[in-house]
Amino acid sequence: MKIVAIFCLGFILSSQSLAADIENGKKLSSQCSVCHGKNGISKYPEAPNLAGMSSLYFEKSIVDYQKGERHDRRMSLIAQNLTLEQIKDLAAWYASFEITVKMPEL
């Protein structure tokens, strides 16, 4: 029983040390705003909205650009300069937006 408690405590502490910094993500997002909008809502049809995006999806997408598994002439260049910590911070910032959906009236 003590071993399980120690393991759980260790997991919680390690998770907290890996927690993303939303404030840093907000600062970093200024470089994204040119294409993806100031608040993560794009004004360009070729650039996706980032506001409300799943942090896991965001992180995977950026890492895929870094690895060359995804291609876009701008994003492939921008992604190369981001550290994993910065990617997690950006992901946390955009995931923190609450998006509401209005169903169409048919």
PDB file of N, CA and C in Angstrom:
ATOM      1  N   MET A   1       0.827  -1.194   0.000  1.00  0.00           N
ATOM      2  CA  MET A   1       0.000   0.000   0.000  1.00  0.00           C
ATOM      3  C   MET A   1       0.872   1.258   0.000  1.00  0.00           C
ATOM      4  N   LYS A   2       1.962   1.231   0.794  1.00  0.00           N
ATOM      5  CA  LYS A   2       2.847   2.391   0.836  1.00  0.00           C
ATOM      6  C   LYS A   2       3.540   2.601  -0.507  1.00  0.00           C
ATOM      7  N   ILE A   3       3.855   1.494  -1.174  1.00  0.00           N
ATOM      8  CA  ILE A   3       4.534   1.598  -2.466  1.00  0.00           C
ATOM      9  C   ILE A   3       3.620   2.286  -3.483  1.00  0.00           C
ATOM     10  N   VAL A   4       2.343   1.940  -3.468  1.00  0.00           N
ATOM     11  CA  VAL A   4       1.382   2.556  -4.387  1.00  0.00           C
ATOM     12  C   VAL A   4       1.274   4.048  -4.091  1.00  0.00           C
ATOM     13  N   ALA A   5       1.210   4.420  -2.827  1.00  0.00           N
ATOM     14  CA  ALA A   5       1.104   5.824  -2.437  1.00  0.00           C
ATOM     15  C   ALA A   5       2.345   6.597  -2.872  1.00  0.00           C
ATOM     16  N   ILE A   6       3.509   6.021  -2.697  1.00  0.00           N
ATOM     17  CA  ILE A   6       4.756   6.677  -3.107  1.00  0.00           C
ATOM     18  C   ILE A   6       4.788   6.845  -4.628  1.00  0.00           C
ATOM     19  N   PHE A   7       4.371   5.792  -5.346  1.00  0.00           N
ATOM     20  CA  PHE A   7       4.333   5.862  -6.804  1.00  0.00           C
ATOM     21  C   PHE A   7       3.395   6.974  -7.259  1.00  0.00           C
ATOM     22  N   CYS A   8       2.201   7.042  -6.673  1.00  0.00           N
ATOM     23  CA  CYS A   8       1.219   8.064  -7.041  1.00  0.00           C
ATOM     24  C   CYS A   8       1.748   9.468  -6.745  1.00  0.00           C
ATOM     25  N   LEU A   9       2.377   9.641  -5.605  1.00  0.00           N
ATOM     26  CA  LEU A   9       2.934  10.936  -5.244  1.00  0.00           C
ATOM     27  C   LEU A   9       4.027  11.329  -6.233  1.00  0.00           C
ATOM     28  N   GLY A  10       4.876  10.377  -6.567  1.00  0.00           N
ATOM     29  CA  GLY A  10       5.937  10.637  -7.541  1.00  0.00           C
ATOM     30  C   GLY A  10       5.378  11.021  -8.893  1.00  0.00           C
ATOM     31  N   PHE A  11       4.327  10.358  -9.325  1.00  0.00           N
ATOM     32  CA  PHE A  11       3.692  10.664 -10.600  1.00  0.00           C
ATOM     33  C   PHE A  11       3.091  12.065 -10.583  1.00  0.00           C
ATOM     34  N   ILE A  12       2.423  12.418  -9.499  1.00  0.00           N
ATOM     35  CA  ILE A  12       1.810  13.743  -9.372  1.00  0.00           C
ATOM     36  C   ILE A  12       2.881  14.824  -9.409  1.00  0.00           C
ATOM     37  N   LEU A  13       3.955  14.628  -8.666  1.00  0.00           N
ATOM     38  CA  LEU A  13       5.025  15.628  -8.640  1.00  0.00           C
ATOM     39  C   LEU A  13       5.706  15.761  -9.990  1.00  0.00           C
ATOM     40  N   SER A  14       5.942  14.642 -10.676  1.00  0.00           N
ATOM     41  CA  SER A  14       6.581  14.721 -11.987  1.00  0.00           C
ATOM     42  C   SER A  14       5.650  15.355 -13.004  1.00  0.00           C
ATOM     43  N   SER A  15       4.360  15.124 -12.896  1.00  0.00           N
ATOM     44  CA  SER A  15       3.393  15.737 -13.806  1.00  0.00           C
ATOM     45  C   SER A  15       3.359  17.246 -13.618  1.00  0.00           C
ATOM     46  N   GLN A  16       3.455  17.675 -12.373  1.00  0.00           N
ATOM     47  CA  GLN A  16       3.436  19.106 -12.106  1.00  0.00           C
ATOM     48  C   GLN A  16       4.683  19.782 -12.657  1.00  0.00           C
ATOM     49  N   SER A  17       5.823  19.117 -12.595  1.00  0.00           N
ATOM     50  CA  SER A  17       7.038  19.723 -13.108  1.00  0.00           C
ATOM     51  C   SER A  17       7.004  19.803 -14.632  1.00  0.00           C
ATOM     52  N   LEU A  18       6.186  18.966 -15.264  1.00  0.00           N
ATOM     53  CA  LEU A  18       6.055  18.982 -16.712  1.00  0.00           C
ATOM     54  C   LEU A  18       4.904  19.869 -17.176  1.00  0.00           C
ATOM     55  N   ALA A  19       4.210  20.486 -16.226  1.00  0.00           N
ATOM     56  CA  ALA A  19       3.047  21.302 -16.565  1.00  0.00           C
ATOM     57  C   ALA A  19       3.461  22.464 -17.456  1.00  0.00           C
ATOM     58  N   ALA A  20       2.620  22.753 -18.418  1.00  0.00           N
ATOM     59  CA  ALA A  20       2.890  23.835 -19.354  1.00  0.00           C
ATOM     60  C   ALA A  20       2.639  25.191 -18.701  1.00  0.00           C
ATOM     61  N   ASP A  21       3.296  26.204 -19.216  1.00  0.00           N
ATOM     62  CA  ASP A  21       3.185  27.569 -18.727  1.00  0.00           C
ATOM     63  C   ASP A  21       2.275  28.352 -19.682  1.00  0.00           C
ATOM     64  N   ILE A  22       1.023  28.498 -19.288  1.00  0.00           N
ATOM     65  CA  ILE A  22       0.040  29.171 -20.144  1.00  0.00           C
ATOM     66  C   ILE A  22       0.433  30.619 -20.406  1.00  0.00           C
ATOM     67  N   GLU A  23       0.966  31.294 -19.412  1.00  0.00           N
ATOM     68  CA  GLU A  23       1.390  32.692 -19.595  1.00  0.00           C
ATOM     69  C   GLU A  23       2.481  32.797 -20.655  1.00  0.00           C
ATOM     70  N   ASN A  24       3.436  31.877 -20.618  1.00  0.00           N
ATOM     71  CA  ASN A  24       4.479  31.873 -21.639  1.00  0.00           C
ATOM     72  C   ASN A  24       3.871  31.559 -23.003  1.00  0.00           C
ATOM     73  N   GLY A  25       2.906  30.642 -23.035  1.00  0.00           N
ATOM     74  CA  GLY A  25       2.215  30.335 -24.278  1.00  0.00           C
ATOM     75  C   GLY A  25       1.530  31.567 -24.856  1.00  0.00           C
ATOM     76  N   LYS A  26       0.941  32.365 -23.991  1.00  0.00           N
ATOM     77  CA  LYS A  26       0.291  33.602 -24.437  1.00  0.00           C
ATOM     78  C   LYS A  26       1.317  34.535 -25.074  1.00  0.00           C
ATOM     79  N   LYS A  27       2.482  34.670 -24.438  1.00  0.00           N
ATOM     80  CA  LYS A  27       3.541  35.525 -24.994  1.00  0.00           C
ATOM     81  C   LYS A  27       4.023  34.994 -26.344  1.00  0.00           C
ATOM     82  N   LEU A  28       4.247  33.690 -26.397  1.00  0.00           N
ATOM     83  CA  LEU A  28       4.741  33.078 -27.630  1.00  0.00           C
ATOM     84  C   LEU A  28       3.727  33.174 -28.769  1.00  0.00           C
ATOM     85  N   SER A  29       2.448  33.257 -28.427  1.00  0.00           N
ATOM     86  CA  SER A  29       1.399  33.242 -29.449  1.00  0.00           C
ATOM     87  C   SER A  29       1.428  34.468 -30.354  1.00  0.00           C
ATOM     88  N   SER A  30       2.154  35.501 -29.973  1.00  0.00           N
ATOM     89  CA  SER A  30       2.210  36.691 -30.832  1.00  0.00           C
ATOM     90  C   SER A  30       2.776  36.347 -32.208  1.00  0.00           C
ATOM     91  N   GLN A  31       3.704  35.396 -32.252  1.00  0.00           N
ATOM     92  CA  GLN A  31       4.254  34.999 -33.546  1.00  0.00           C
ATOM     93  C   GLN A  31       3.238  34.207 -34.375  1.00  0.00           C
ATOM     94  N   CYS A  32       2.254  33.621 -33.735  1.00  0.00           N
ATOM     95  CA  CYS A  32       1.223  32.835 -34.429  1.00  0.00           C
ATOM     96  C   CYS A  32       0.100  33.721 -34.948  1.00  0.00           C
ATOM     97  N   SER A  33      -0.053  34.887 -34.309  1.00  0.00           N
ATOM     98  CA  SER A  33      -1.220  35.724 -34.576  1.00  0.00           C
ATOM     99  C   SER A  33      -1.269  36.276 -35.996  1.00  0.00           C
ATOM    100  N   VAL A  34      -0.143  36.377 -36.655  1.00  0.00           N
ATOM    101  CA  VAL A  34      -0.133  36.905 -38.021  1.00  0.00           C
ATOM    102  C   VAL A  34      -1.052  36.075 -38.920  1.00  0.00           C
ATOM    103  N   CYS A  35      -0.956  34.765 -38.812  1.00  0.00           N
ATOM    104  CA  CYS A  35      -1.775  33.872 -39.658  1.00  0.00           C
ATOM    105  C   CYS A  35      -3.004  33.326 -38.937  1.00  0.00           C
ATOM    106  N   HIS A  36      -2.872  33.073 -37.640  1.00  0.00           N
ATOM    107  CA  HIS A  36      -3.932  32.382 -36.906  1.00  0.00           C
ATOM    108  C   HIS A  36      -4.804  33.313 -36.071  1.00  0.00           C
ATOM    109  N   GLY A  37      -4.592  34.612 -36.188  1.00  0.00           N
ATOM    110  CA  GLY A  37      -5.405  35.596 -35.481  1.00  0.00           C
ATOM    111  C   GLY A  37      -4.934  35.856 -34.065  1.00  0.00           C
ATOM    112  N   LYS A  38      -5.202  37.057 -33.587  1.00  0.00           N
ATOM    113  CA  LYS A  38      -4.758  37.486 -32.255  1.00  0.00           C
ATOM    114  C   LYS A  38      -5.258  36.556 -31.150  1.00  0.00           C
ATOM    115  N   ASN A  39      -6.475  36.090 -31.268  1.00  0.00           N
ATOM    116  CA  ASN A  39      -7.054  35.208 -30.256  1.00  0.00           C
ATOM    117  C   ASN A  39      -7.225  33.781 -30.764  1.00  0.00           C
ATOM    118  N   GLY A  40      -6.411  33.421 -31.749  1.00  0.00           N
ATOM    119  CA  GLY A  40      -6.457  32.052 -32.252  1.00  0.00           C
ATOM    120  C   GLY A  40      -7.578  31.774 -33.233  1.00  0.00           C
ATOM    121  N   ILE A  41      -8.284  32.828 -33.665  1.00  0.00           N
ATOM    122  CA  ILE A  41      -9.340  32.684 -34.664  1.00  0.00           C
ATOM    123  C   ILE A  41      -8.812  33.304 -35.954  1.00  0.00           C
ATOM    124  N   SER A  42      -8.539  32.446 -36.918  1.00  0.00           N
ATOM    125  CA  SER A  42      -7.914  32.861 -38.165  1.00  0.00           C
ATOM    126  C   SER A  42      -8.848  33.667 -39.045  1.00  0.00           C
ATOM    127  N   LYS A  43      -8.254  34.629 -39.752  1.00  0.00           N
ATOM    128  CA  LYS A  43      -9.002  35.393 -40.746  1.00  0.00           C
ATOM    129  C   LYS A  43      -8.721  34.856 -42.146  1.00  0.00           C
ATOM    130  N   TYR A  44      -7.833  33.875 -42.240  1.00  0.00           N
ATOM    131  CA  TYR A  44      -7.440  33.316 -43.527  1.00  0.00           C
ATOM    132  C   TYR A  44      -7.945  31.888 -43.661  1.00  0.00           C
ATOM    133  N   PRO A  45      -8.576  31.555 -44.768  1.00  0.00           N
ATOM    134  CA  PRO A  45      -9.142  30.209 -44.925  1.00  0.00           C
ATOM    135  C   PRO A  45      -8.103  29.095 -44.916  1.00  0.00           C
ATOM    136  N   GLU A  46      -6.852  29.389 -45.285  1.00  0.00           N
ATOM    137  CA  GLU A  46      -5.828  28.341 -45.308  1.00  0.00           C
ATOM    138  C   GLU A  46      -5.152  28.128 -43.948  1.00  0.00           C
ATOM    139  N   ALA A  47      -5.421  28.986 -42.981  1.00  0.00           N
ATOM    140  CA  ALA A  47      -4.831  28.857 -41.642  1.00  0.00           C
ATOM    141  C   ALA A  47      -5.921  28.430 -40.659  1.00  0.00           C
ATOM    142  N   PRO A  48      -5.730  27.322 -39.964  1.00  0.00           N
ATOM    143  CA  PRO A  48      -6.774  26.849 -39.042  1.00  0.00           C
ATOM    144  C   PRO A  48      -6.891  27.711 -37.793  1.00  0.00           C
ATOM    145  N   ASN A  49      -8.070  27.666 -37.190  1.00  0.00           N
ATOM    146  CA  ASN A  49      -8.257  28.279 -35.875  1.00  0.00           C
ATOM    147  C   ASN A  49      -7.486  27.459 -34.855  1.00  0.00           C
ATOM    148  N   LEU A  50      -6.807  28.131 -33.946  1.00  0.00           N
ATOM    149  CA  LEU A  50      -6.077  27.441 -32.897  1.00  0.00           C
ATOM    150  C   LEU A  50      -6.801  27.503 -31.557  1.00  0.00           C
ATOM    151  N   ALA A  51      -7.652  28.512 -31.374  1.00  0.00           N
ATOM    152  CA  ALA A  51      -8.382  28.671 -30.120  1.00  0.00           C
ATOM    153  C   ALA A  51      -9.247  27.448 -29.856  1.00  0.00           C
ATOM    154  N   GLY A  52      -9.092  26.874 -28.678  1.00  0.00           N
ATOM    155  CA  GLY A  52      -9.883  25.719 -28.284  1.00  0.00           C
ATOM    156  C   GLY A  52      -9.360  24.396 -28.802  1.00  0.00           C
ATOM    157  N   MET A  53      -8.250  24.425 -29.532  1.00  0.00           N
ATOM    158  CA  MET A  53      -7.705  23.188 -30.093  1.00  0.00           C
ATOM    159  C   MET A  53      -7.155  22.301 -28.975  1.00  0.00           C
ATOM    160  N   SER A  54      -7.352  21.027 -29.106  1.00  0.00           N
ATOM    161  CA  SER A  54      -6.815  20.057 -28.159  1.00  0.00           C
ATOM    162  C   SER A  54      -5.294  20.232 -28.057  1.00  0.00           C
ATOM    163  N   SER A  55      -4.790  20.268 -26.846  1.00  0.00           N
ATOM    164  CA  SER A  55      -3.343  20.436 -26.667  1.00  0.00           C
ATOM    165  C   SER A  55      -2.572  19.263 -27.266  1.00  0.00           C
ATOM    166  N   LEU A  56      -3.126  18.059 -27.157  1.00  0.00           N
ATOM    167  CA  LEU A  56      -2.450  16.894 -27.734  1.00  0.00           C
ATOM    168  C   LEU A  56      -2.363  17.012 -29.254  1.00  0.00           C
ATOM    169  N   TYR A  57      -3.426  17.444 -29.889  1.00  0.00           N
ATOM    170  CA  TYR A  57      -3.438  17.605 -31.341  1.00  0.00           C
ATOM    171  C   TYR A  57      -2.460  18.700 -31.766  1.00  0.00           C
ATOM    172  N   PHE A  58      -2.468  19.813 -31.033  1.00  0.00           N
ATOM    173  CA  PHE A  58      -1.570  20.925 -31.339  1.00  0.00           C
ATOM    174  C   PHE A  58      -0.118  20.470 -31.245  1.00  0.00           C
ATOM    175  N   GLU A  59       0.232  19.826 -30.122  1.00  0.00           N
ATOM    176  CA  GLU A  59       1.609  19.358 -29.926  1.00  0.00           C
ATOM    177  C   GLU A  59       2.025  18.401 -31.038  1.00  0.00           C
ATOM    178  N   LYS A  60       1.176  17.432 -31.344  1.00  0.00           N
ATOM    179  CA  LYS A  60       1.510  16.450 -32.380  1.00  0.00           C
ATOM    180  C   LYS A  60       1.694  17.129 -33.728  1.00  0.00           C
ATOM    181  N   SER A  61       0.836  18.071 -34.046  1.00  0.00           N
ATOM    182  CA  SER A  61       0.935  18.772 -35.327  1.00  0.00           C
ATOM    183  C   SER A  61       2.264  19.506 -35.471  1.00  0.00           C
ATOM    184  N   ILE A  62       2.665  20.225 -34.426  1.00  0.00           N
ATOM    185  CA  ILE A  62       3.908  20.997 -34.495  1.00  0.00           C
ATOM    186  C   ILE A  62       5.107  20.055 -34.572  1.00  0.00           C
ATOM    187  N   VAL A  63       5.098  18.997 -33.780  1.00  0.00           N
ATOM    188  CA  VAL A  63       6.192  18.026 -33.825  1.00  0.00           C
ATOM    189  C   VAL A  63       6.249  17.358 -35.201  1.00  0.00           C
ATOM    190  N   ASP A  64       5.093  17.086 -35.793  1.00  0.00           N
ATOM    191  CA  ASP A  64       5.060  16.512 -37.139  1.00  0.00           C
ATOM    192  C   ASP A  64       5.684  17.462 -38.162  1.00  0.00           C
ATOM    193  N   TYR A  65       5.460  18.775 -38.011  1.00  0.00           N
ATOM    194  CA  TYR A  65       6.123  19.747 -38.891  1.00  0.00           C
ATOM    195  C   TYR A  65       7.639  19.678 -38.681  1.00  0.00           C
ATOM    196  N   GLN A  66       8.061  19.574 -37.425  1.00  0.00           N
ATOM    197  CA  GLN A  66       9.493  19.494 -37.132  1.00  0.00           C
ATOM    198  C   GLN A  66      10.140  18.256 -37.752  1.00  0.00           C
ATOM    199  N   LYS A  67       9.434  17.147 -37.707  1.00  0.00           N
ATOM    200  CA  LYS A  67       9.952  15.885 -38.229  1.00  0.00           C
ATOM    201  C   LYS A  67       9.833  15.782 -39.754  1.00  0.00           C
ATOM    202  N   GLY A  68       9.104  16.692 -40.371  1.00  0.00           N
ATOM    203  CA  GLY A  68       8.883  16.636 -41.806  1.00  0.00           C
ATOM    204  C   GLY A  68       7.755  15.707 -42.203  1.00  0.00           C
ATOM    205  N   GLU A  69       6.963  15.255 -41.206  1.00  0.00           N
ATOM    206  CA  GLU A  69       5.827  14.381 -41.498  1.00  0.00           C
ATOM    207  C   GLU A  69       4.603  15.171 -41.958  1.00  0.00           C
ATOM    208  N   ARG A  70       4.651  16.471 -41.722  1.00  0.00           N
ATOM    209  CA  ARG A  70       3.619  17.401 -42.189  1.00  0.00           C
ATOM    210  C   ARG A  70       4.353  18.521 -42.895  1.00  0.00           C
ATOM    211  N   HIS A  71       3.731  19.099 -43.921  1.00  0.00           N
ATOM    212  CA  HIS A  71       4.423  20.126 -44.693  1.00  0.00           C
ATOM    213  C   HIS A  71       3.558  21.350 -44.932  1.00  0.00           C
ATOM    214  N   ASP A  72       4.145  22.486 -44.691  1.00  0.00           N
ATOM    215  CA  ASP A  72       3.578  23.781 -45.039  1.00  0.00           C
ATOM    216  C   ASP A  72       4.779  24.715 -45.094  1.00  0.00           C
ATOM    217  N   ARG A  73       4.903  25.504 -46.126  1.00  0.00           N
ATOM    218  CA  ARG A  73       6.118  26.294 -46.292  1.00  0.00           C
ATOM    219  C   ARG A  73       6.407  27.217 -45.106  1.00  0.00           C
ATOM    220  N   ARG A  74       5.366  27.744 -44.475  1.00  0.00           N
ATOM    221  CA  ARG A  74       5.584  28.618 -43.317  1.00  0.00           C
ATOM    222  C   ARG A  74       5.723  27.828 -42.026  1.00  0.00           C
ATOM    223  N   MET A  75       4.779  26.926 -41.779  1.00  0.00           N
ATOM    224  CA  MET A  75       4.785  26.181 -40.514  1.00  0.00           C
ATOM    225  C   MET A  75       6.008  25.289 -40.373  1.00  0.00           C
ATOM    226  N   SER A  76       6.480  24.717 -41.449  1.00  0.00           N
ATOM    227  CA  SER A  76       7.665  23.867 -41.380  1.00  0.00           C
ATOM    228  C   SER A  76       8.871  24.674 -40.896  1.00  0.00           C
ATOM    229  N   LEU A  77       8.980  25.923 -41.323  1.00  0.00           N
ATOM    230  CA  LEU A  77      10.080  26.786 -40.879  1.00  0.00           C
ATOM    231  C   LEU A  77       9.896  27.246 -39.436  1.00  0.00           C
ATOM    232  N   ILE A  78       8.690  27.669 -39.102  1.00  0.00           N
ATOM    233  CA  ILE A  78       8.409  28.183 -37.755  1.00  0.00           C
ATOM    234  C   ILE A  78       8.583  27.086 -36.711  1.00  0.00           C
ATOM    235  N   ALA A  79       8.102  25.891 -37.004  1.00  0.00           N
ATOM    236  CA  ALA A  79       8.164  24.782 -36.041  1.00  0.00           C
ATOM    237  C   ALA A  79       9.598  24.411 -35.684  1.00  0.00           C
ATOM    238  N   GLN A  80      10.515  24.563 -36.627  1.00  0.00           N
ATOM    239  CA  GLN A  80      11.909  24.180 -36.375  1.00  0.00           C
ATOM    240  C   GLN A  80      12.541  24.956 -35.229  1.00  0.00           C
ATOM    241  N   ASN A  81      12.063  26.165 -34.990  1.00  0.00           N
ATOM    242  CA  ASN A  81      12.648  27.020 -33.950  1.00  0.00           C
ATOM    243  C   ASN A  81      12.009  26.859 -32.577  1.00  0.00           C
ATOM    244  N   LEU A  82      11.020  25.994 -32.460  1.00  0.00           N
ATOM    245  CA  LEU A  82      10.323  25.820 -31.178  1.00  0.00           C
ATOM    246  C   LEU A  82      10.880  24.627 -30.403  1.00  0.00           C
ATOM    247  N   THR A  83      11.073  24.841 -29.105  1.00  0.00           N
ATOM    248  CA  THR A  83      11.460  23.739 -28.231  1.00  0.00           C
ATOM    249  C   THR A  83      10.202  22.982 -27.828  1.00  0.00           C
ATOM    250  N   LEU A  84      10.367  21.786 -27.301  1.00  0.00           N
ATOM    251  CA  LEU A  84       9.210  21.010 -26.840  1.00  0.00           C
ATOM    252  C   LEU A  84       8.483  21.761 -25.729  1.00  0.00           C
ATOM    253  N   GLU A  85       9.215  22.425 -24.868  1.00  0.00           N
ATOM    254  CA  GLU A  85       8.592  23.204 -23.787  1.00  0.00           C
ATOM    255  C   GLU A  85       7.748  24.341 -24.364  1.00  0.00           C
ATOM    256  N   GLN A  86       8.251  25.037 -25.372  1.00  0.00           N
ATOM    257  CA  GLN A  86       7.493  26.117 -25.994  1.00  0.00           C
ATOM    258  C   GLN A  86       6.242  25.580 -26.686  1.00  0.00           C
ATOM    259  N   ILE A  87       6.370  24.429 -27.330  1.00  0.00           N
ATOM    260  CA  ILE A  87       5.215  23.805 -27.984  1.00  0.00           C
ATOM    261  C   ILE A  87       4.145  23.483 -26.950  1.00  0.00           C
ATOM    262  N   LYS A  88       4.550  22.920 -25.816  1.00  0.00           N
ATOM    263  CA  LYS A  88       3.595  22.587 -24.760  1.00  0.00           C
ATOM    264  C   LYS A  88       2.941  23.850 -24.201  1.00  0.00           C
ATOM    265  N   ASP A  89       3.721  24.923 -24.051  1.00  0.00           N
ATOM    266  CA  ASP A  89       3.174  26.183 -23.552  1.00  0.00           C
ATOM    267  C   ASP A  89       2.148  26.757 -24.523  1.00  0.00           C
ATOM    268  N   LEU A  90       2.477  26.754 -25.810  1.00  0.00           N
ATOM    269  CA  LEU A  90       1.527  27.228 -26.820  1.00  0.00           C
ATOM    270  C   LEU A  90       0.270  26.367 -26.835  1.00  0.00           C
ATOM    271  N   ALA A  91       0.459  25.067 -26.757  1.00  0.00           N
ATOM    272  CA  ALA A  91      -0.678  24.137 -26.758  1.00  0.00           C
ATOM    273  C   ALA A  91      -1.598  24.410 -25.578  1.00  0.00           C
ATOM    274  N   ALA A  92      -1.008  24.652 -24.416  1.00  0.00           N
ATOM    275  CA  ALA A  92      -1.806  24.936 -23.213  1.00  0.00           C
ATOM    276  C   ALA A  92      -2.572  26.249 -23.366  1.00  0.00           C
ATOM    277  N   TRP A  93      -1.921  27.252 -23.958  1.00  0.00           N
ATOM    278  CA  TRP A  93      -2.573  28.547 -24.155  1.00  0.00           C
ATOM    279  C   TRP A  93      -3.794  28.399 -25.064  1.00  0.00           C
ATOM    280  N   TYR A  94      -3.616  27.779 -26.212  1.00  0.00           N
ATOM    281  CA  TYR A  94      -4.734  27.654 -27.146  1.00  0.00           C
ATOM    282  C   TYR A  94      -5.813  26.701 -26.631  1.00  0.00           C
ATOM    283  N   ALA A  95      -5.440  25.678 -25.909  1.00  0.00           N
ATOM    284  CA  ALA A  95      -6.426  24.738 -25.346  1.00  0.00           C
ATOM    285  C   ALA A  95      -7.247  25.396 -24.233  1.00  0.00           C
ATOM    286  N   SER A  96      -6.720  26.470 -23.632  1.00  0.00           N
ATOM    287  CA  SER A  96      -7.429  27.122 -22.528  1.00  0.00           C
ATOM    288  C   SER A  96      -8.610  27.975 -23.001  1.00  0.00           C
ATOM    289  N   PHE A  97      -8.702  28.247 -24.295  1.00  0.00           N
ATOM    290  CA  PHE A  97      -9.828  29.014 -24.824  1.00  0.00           C
ATOM    291  C   PHE A  97     -11.087  28.156 -24.777  1.00  0.00           C
ATOM    292  N   GLU A  98     -12.188  28.756 -24.371  1.00  0.00           N
ATOM    293  CA  GLU A  98     -13.476  28.064 -24.375  1.00  0.00           C
ATOM    294  C   GLU A  98     -14.239  28.488 -25.620  1.00  0.00           C
ATOM    295  N   ILE A  99     -14.591  27.519 -26.416  1.00  0.00           N
ATOM    296  CA  ILE A  99     -15.306  27.781 -27.657  1.00  0.00           C
ATOM    297  C   ILE A  99     -16.740  27.295 -27.512  1.00  0.00           C
ATOM    298  N   THR A 100     -17.678  28.123 -27.951  1.00  0.00           N
ATOM    299  CA  THR A 100     -19.071  27.695 -27.938  1.00  0.00           C
ATOM    300  C   THR A 100     -19.517  27.471 -29.380  1.00  0.00           C
ATOM    301  N   VAL A 101     -20.460  26.579 -29.521  1.00  0.00           N
ATOM    302  CA  VAL A 101     -20.957  26.224 -30.844  1.00  0.00           C
ATOM    303  C   VAL A 101     -22.446  26.490 -30.897  1.00  0.00           C
ATOM    304  N   LYS A 102     -22.868  27.076 -31.971  1.00  0.00           N
ATOM    305  CA  LYS A 102     -24.290  27.318 -32.181  1.00  0.00           C
ATOM    306  C   LYS A 102     -24.729  26.426 -33.340  1.00  0.00           C
ATOM    307  N   MET A 103     -25.677  25.586 -33.073  1.00  0.00           N
ATOM    308  CA  MET A 103     -26.203  24.697 -34.097  1.00  0.00           C
ATOM    309  C   MET A 103     -26.970  25.507 -35.130  1.00  0.00           C
ATOM    310  N   PRO A 104     -26.867  25.141 -36.394  1.00  0.00           N
ATOM    311  CA  PRO A 104     -27.613  25.864 -37.418  1.00  0.00           C
ATOM    312  C   PRO A 104     -29.116  25.599 -37.298  1.00  0.00           C
ATOM    313  N   GLU A 105     -29.863  26.600 -37.640  1.00  0.00           N
ATOM    314  CA  GLU A 105     -31.324  26.433 -37.660  1.00  0.00           C
ATOM    315  C   GLU A 105     -31.703  25.905 -39.020  1.00  0.00           C
ATOM    316  N   LEU A 106     -32.312  24.763 -39.051  1.00  0.00           N
ATOM    317  CA  LEU A 106     -32.708  24.142 -40.325  1.00  0.00           C
ATOM    318  C   LEU A 106     -34.176  24.289 -40.581  1.00  0.00           C
TER     319      LEU A 106
END
